[in-house]
Every structure is written in C-alpha cells, then in structure tokens.
Amino acid sequence: MKKLVVIDDEQDFCTLVEMYCNKNGIECRFANTLLQGMELVATFLPDVLILDNNLPDGLGWTKAAYLLDTYPSINLNLITAKKAIDKTNNEYASYGKRVSFFHKPLSMLQLNDIVLQSNE
C-alpha cells in the first residue's frame, strides 16, 4: 500500500486529505507541527509528502531540500496560502518532477493529482 503524509496545521485540510486517501486505498498520516511532521516522515517513510510552509513551529519549506536529499524516493508537494511562488528560478529546480508547488486552497483536481501520484 502506498503512503502519504500531510504536514499542515489546518486540521480540516488534514482530515480531507486523509478521507480522500482512504477512498483511494492509500495509507495516510498527518502532523500539525513541523517537528511532529519530521518525526513522522522519518518513521512512516511516505511515498508522497504534502508540506505546508507556515507552521506553528517554523517554515516547512526550509526542510524541503533536506527531505528530498534524505528520502530520494519521496514526491514533495509544497503548499502555501501566500500568493507569490517563484517556480521558474528557485532552489528546488534540480529536483525536477519530485517537487510540486500549490496555492491554498487546493482544488479537488489538484488534490486528486497529489494523492494519485502515489499510485504511479
């Protein structure tokens, strides 16, 4: 069974993703802080990670390169409520398709793309 982790402090969003994963046969876990999320990733070893930027204990995106380097099979989906994301010239370009960027709120189509990438 494929595995997905959500690190986001919005409980409703985590619950929505978890329900969507369960419907699609994907094991899902979530954490509401960066520290809890990093520990969860290390123990659960997900195929797909949804990582919010603004978390109660830090900026999630500061851990992106570490996560990509430490877990080379992980697909990382960086999400934020901020409007400006520079996807053309950023530090994640070298990771190619393993990194995706999304603005909140996510559409159901975007959520579907994220969740189902774990079935590839």
Protein backbone atom coordinates (compact mmCIF):
# COMPACT_ATOMS: atom_id res chain seq x y z
CA MET A 1 0.00 0.00 0.00
CA LYS A 2 1.27 3.45 -0.91
CA LYS A 3 1.75 6.01 1.87
CA LEU A 4 1.18 9.76 2.12
CA VAL A 5 1.98 12.26 4.88
CA VAL A 6 0.47 15.71 5.35
CA ILE A 7 2.28 18.30 7.48
CA ASP A 8 -0.20 21.13 7.94
CA ASP A 9 -1.66 22.93 10.94
CA GLU A 10 -5.14 23.13 9.38
CA GLN A 11 -6.98 20.15 10.87
CA ASP A 12 -9.81 20.30 8.32
CA PHE A 13 -7.37 20.08 5.43
CA CYS A 14 -5.59 17.10 7.01
CA THR A 15 -8.90 15.33 7.55
CA LEU A 16 -9.98 15.99 3.96
CA VAL A 17 -6.75 14.56 2.56
CA GLU A 18 -6.96 11.56 4.88
CA MET A 19 -10.53 10.79 3.75
CA TYR A 20 -9.53 11.17 0.11
CA CYS A 21 -6.58 8.81 0.62
CA ASN A 22 -8.70 6.22 2.39
CA LYS A 23 -11.15 6.30 -0.53
CA ASN A 24 -8.27 5.62 -2.93
CA GLY A 25 -6.54 2.87 -0.94
CA ILE A 26 -3.62 4.99 0.24
CA GLU A 27 -2.40 4.95 3.83
CA CYS A 28 -2.32 8.49 5.18
CA ARG A 29 -0.94 10.09 8.33
CA PHE A 30 -0.70 13.73 9.31
CA ALA A 31 1.08 16.04 11.70
CA ASN A 32 0.15 19.58 12.71
CA THR A 33 3.65 20.88 13.51
CA LEU A 34 6.95 20.79 11.69
CA LEU A 35 8.68 18.85 14.47
CA GLN A 36 5.95 16.19 14.59
CA GLY A 37 5.94 16.03 10.81
CA MET A 38 9.68 15.48 10.50
CA GLU A 39 9.48 12.67 13.06
CA LEU A 40 6.52 11.15 11.22
CA VAL A 41 8.31 11.20 7.87
CA ALA A 42 11.35 9.51 9.43
CA THR A 43 9.30 6.68 10.90
CA PHE A 44 6.47 6.27 8.36
CA LEU A 45 8.59 6.80 5.19
CA PRO A 46 5.86 8.07 2.85
CA ASP A 47 5.87 7.96 -0.93
CA VAL A 48 4.20 11.38 -1.09
CA LEU A 49 4.51 14.35 1.26
CA ILE A 50 2.30 17.42 1.40
CA LEU A 51 4.21 20.14 3.27
CA ASP A 52 2.72 23.47 4.26
CA ASN A 53 5.06 26.41 4.59
CA ASN A 54 3.62 28.36 7.53
CA LEU A 55 3.50 26.06 10.54
CA PRO A 56 3.25 26.93 14.25
CA ASP A 57 6.87 25.97 14.94
CA GLY A 58 8.58 27.07 11.74
CA LEU A 59 8.58 27.34 7.97
CA GLY A 60 8.08 23.93 6.42
CA TRP A 61 9.74 24.80 3.14
CA THR A 62 13.07 25.29 4.93
CA LYS A 63 13.15 21.49 5.31
CA ALA A 64 12.37 20.73 1.66
CA ALA A 65 15.94 20.19 0.42
CA TYR A 66 16.76 18.05 3.47
CA LEU A 67 13.68 15.89 2.88
CA LEU A 68 14.43 15.46 -0.82
CA ASP A 69 18.07 14.58 -0.17
CA THR A 70 17.38 12.26 2.75
CA TYR A 71 14.43 10.46 1.17
CA PRO A 72 15.24 10.16 -2.55
CA SER A 73 12.01 8.34 -3.42
CA ILE A 74 9.68 10.92 -1.88
CA ASN A 75 7.46 13.16 -4.00
CA LEU A 76 7.22 16.53 -2.25
CA ASN A 77 4.24 18.84 -2.66
CA LEU A 78 4.87 22.29 -1.22
CA ILE A 79 1.73 24.23 -0.38
CA THR A 80 1.19 27.77 0.84
CA ALA A 81 -1.56 30.33 1.31
CA LYS A 82 0.81 33.05 0.10
CA LYS A 83 0.12 34.23 -3.41
CA ALA A 84 3.67 34.50 -4.79
CA ILE A 85 5.57 31.35 -5.64
CA ASP A 86 8.57 31.65 -7.95
CA LYS A 87 8.63 28.28 -9.72
CA THR A 88 10.93 29.30 -12.55
CA ASN A 89 14.14 30.18 -10.74
CA ASN A 90 14.24 28.53 -7.34
CA GLU A 91 16.42 26.26 -5.30
CA TYR A 92 14.23 23.20 -5.98
CA ALA A 93 14.66 23.17 -9.78
CA SER A 94 17.36 20.49 -9.61
CA TYR A 95 14.87 18.02 -8.09
CA GLY A 96 12.69 18.07 -11.20
CA LYS A 97 9.29 16.40 -11.02
CA ARG A 98 9.83 15.29 -7.43
CA VAL A 99 8.72 18.75 -6.29
CA SER A 100 5.40 20.46 -6.99
CA PHE A 101 4.03 23.80 -5.80
CA PHE A 102 0.43 24.61 -4.93
CA HIS A 103 -1.52 27.56 -3.57
CA LYS A 104 -4.18 27.09 -0.94
CA PRO A 105 -6.98 26.41 -1.15
CA LEU A 106 -6.34 23.36 -3.30
CA SER A 107 -8.95 22.38 -5.84
CA MET A 108 -10.25 18.82 -5.86
CA LEU A 109 -8.42 18.29 -9.15
CA GLN A 110 -5.12 19.38 -7.56
CA LEU A 111 -5.75 17.16 -4.53
CA ASN A 112 -6.52 14.28 -6.86
CA ASP A 113 -3.24 14.83 -8.74
CA ILE A 114 -1.25 14.87 -5.49
CA VAL A 115 -2.90 11.84 -3.92
CA LEU A 116 -2.93 9.69 -7.03
CA GLN A 117 0.73 10.38 -7.84
CA SER A 118 1.44 7.92 -5.06
CA ASN A 119 -0.09 5.21 -7.27
CA GLU A 120 2.47 5.74 -10.04
